[in-house]
Protein backbone atom coordinates (compact mmCIF):
# COMPACT_ATOMS: atom_id res chain seq x y z
CA ARG A 1 63.60 20.21 -14.91
CA ILE A 2 60.24 18.65 -16.28
CA SER A 3 57.86 18.37 -13.29
CA PRO A 4 55.83 15.41 -12.42
CA PRO A 5 52.16 15.18 -13.69
CA LEU A 6 49.48 16.27 -11.74
CA LEU A 7 48.56 12.95 -9.94
CA PRO A 8 45.79 12.40 -6.83
CA GLY A 9 49.13 12.06 -4.02
CA THR A 10 52.66 11.80 -3.77
CA PRO A 11 54.57 9.01 -3.79
CA ALA A 12 56.03 8.89 -0.28
CA ALA A 13 59.92 10.33 -0.35
CA PRO A 14 63.03 7.49 -1.26
CA HIS A 15 64.66 5.60 1.02
CA THR A 16 67.33 6.90 2.20
CA PRO A 17 69.88 5.32 3.85
CA GLY A 18 70.00 5.31 7.30
CA ARG A 19 66.85 6.43 8.15
CA GLN A 20 63.44 5.40 8.97
CA ARG A 21 61.32 4.40 6.07
CA VAL A 22 57.48 5.70 6.18
CA THR A 23 54.94 4.46 3.71
CA GLY A 24 52.06 6.80 2.87
CA VAL A 25 51.04 8.51 0.51
CA LYS A 26 50.75 12.64 0.91
CA THR A 27 48.43 14.90 -0.53
CA HIS A 28 49.24 16.40 -3.74
CA ALA A 29 50.46 19.33 -3.61
CA ARG A 30 48.08 21.48 -5.71
CA TYR A 31 45.41 21.25 -3.48
CA PHE A 32 46.94 23.47 -1.03
CA ARG A 33 46.56 26.22 -3.69
CA LEU A 34 43.32 27.68 -3.37
CA PRO A 35 43.12 26.60 0.61
CA ILE A 36 46.52 29.09 1.34
CA LEU A 37 44.61 31.94 -0.80
CA ARG A 38 41.10 31.40 0.42
CA ALA A 39 42.48 31.80 4.22
CA LEU A 40 44.44 34.62 3.23
CA THR A 41 41.18 36.70 1.03
CA GLU A 42 39.44 35.76 4.54
CA MET A 43 41.73 37.13 6.89
CA GLY A 44 41.78 40.56 5.21
CA GLY A 45 44.62 40.04 2.96
CA SER A 46 47.77 38.80 5.05
CA ALA A 47 48.28 37.39 8.31
CA PRO A 48 50.58 35.37 10.56
CA THR A 49 52.17 31.88 8.78
CA ALA A 50 50.68 30.00 11.47
CA ALA A 51 47.28 31.63 11.64
CA VAL A 52 47.39 30.43 7.48
CA LEU A 53 48.49 27.35 8.16
CA ASP A 54 45.93 26.81 11.15
CA ARG A 55 42.92 27.69 8.78
CA VAL A 56 44.43 25.81 5.57
CA GLY A 57 44.32 22.85 7.92
CA GLU A 58 40.19 23.59 8.73
CA LEU A 59 39.45 24.22 5.09
CA LEU A 60 41.69 20.74 4.19
CA ALA A 61 40.65 18.47 6.84
CA ASP A 62 38.75 16.07 4.92
CA ARG A 63 41.14 15.63 2.94
CA LEU A 64 44.61 15.46 4.61
CA ASN A 65 45.05 11.66 5.64
CA ASP A 66 46.96 10.15 8.89
CA PHE A 67 50.61 10.50 6.49
CA ASP A 68 49.88 13.95 5.80
CA ARG A 69 49.37 14.49 10.34
CA GLN A 70 52.52 12.41 10.84
CA ARG A 71 55.73 14.26 11.74
CA LEU A 72 58.40 14.87 9.23
CA THR A 73 61.64 12.69 10.20
CA GLY A 74 63.40 15.27 12.28
CA GLY A 75 60.13 15.13 14.22
CA ARG A 76 60.03 18.69 14.02
CA LYS A 77 57.07 19.90 11.09
CA ILE A 78 54.03 18.26 10.72
CA ARG A 79 53.95 17.10 6.92
CA TRP A 80 50.61 18.78 5.67
CA ARG A 81 52.22 22.39 7.09
CA ASN A 82 55.34 21.75 5.59
CA THR A 83 54.18 21.53 2.33
CA ALA A 84 51.69 24.03 2.52
CA GLN A 85 54.68 26.16 3.36
CA TRP A 86 56.42 24.78 0.20
CA VAL A 87 53.40 26.09 -1.92
CA HIS A 88 53.37 29.03 -0.49
CA ASN A 89 56.89 29.89 -1.92
CA THR A 90 55.55 28.79 -5.13
CA LEU A 91 52.90 31.01 -4.63
CA LYS A 92 55.45 33.89 -4.05
CA LYS A 93 56.94 32.72 -7.64
CA GLU A 94 54.06 32.86 -9.23
CA GLY A 95 53.10 36.59 -8.09
CA LEU A 96 49.73 35.46 -5.96
CA VAL A 97 51.62 35.61 -2.56
CA ARG A 98 53.91 37.92 -0.90
CA ALA A 99 55.82 37.67 1.84
CA GLY A 100 54.34 40.53 4.41
CA SER A 101 56.74 43.50 5.65
CA ARG A 102 56.81 41.82 9.07
CA LYS A 103 58.66 38.13 9.25
CA GLY A 104 56.29 35.17 9.31
CA THR A 105 53.50 37.59 7.46
CA TRP A 106 52.07 36.02 4.48
CA LEU A 107 50.20 38.74 1.78
CA ILE A 108 47.63 37.70 -1.19
CA THR A 109 48.32 39.75 -4.10
CA SER A 110 46.28 41.49 -6.17
CA ALA A 111 46.76 38.60 -8.95
CA GLY A 112 45.99 36.05 -6.42
CA ALA A 113 43.04 37.32 -5.74
CA GLU A 114 42.19 37.73 -9.46
CA TYR A 115 43.09 33.74 -9.24
CA LEU A 116 40.98 32.90 -6.84
CA ASN A 117 38.32 34.78 -7.84
CA LEU A 118 38.20 33.74 -11.12
CA THR A 119 38.73 29.58 -9.69
CA GLU A 120 36.32 29.49 -7.31
CA GLY A 121 33.82 31.64 -10.24
């Protein structure tokens, strides 16, 4: 599977018949990587998911747009928070974060802390 190129924004998902289409451009997932790692570092290395997401929202406040702040079609999740959770899964696969021993807790790994330090230099 070929990954899409890294662009400033990602177009809205293609229209699915029977669903209302919302047009707009969401903030690309790459912009969530460092704020997630930074939030975890600020919180001592681990924190509940909701607290991490709240801090990520603060860190990205000037980048998130109206489309990001809309609810997904199901109406339960805010689009940018859903994107952040997908990015968390990617960071787990890369070994930069891991799930905590308690459900709903995110932890930064030593590799994640090193990545953050190298990137923010």
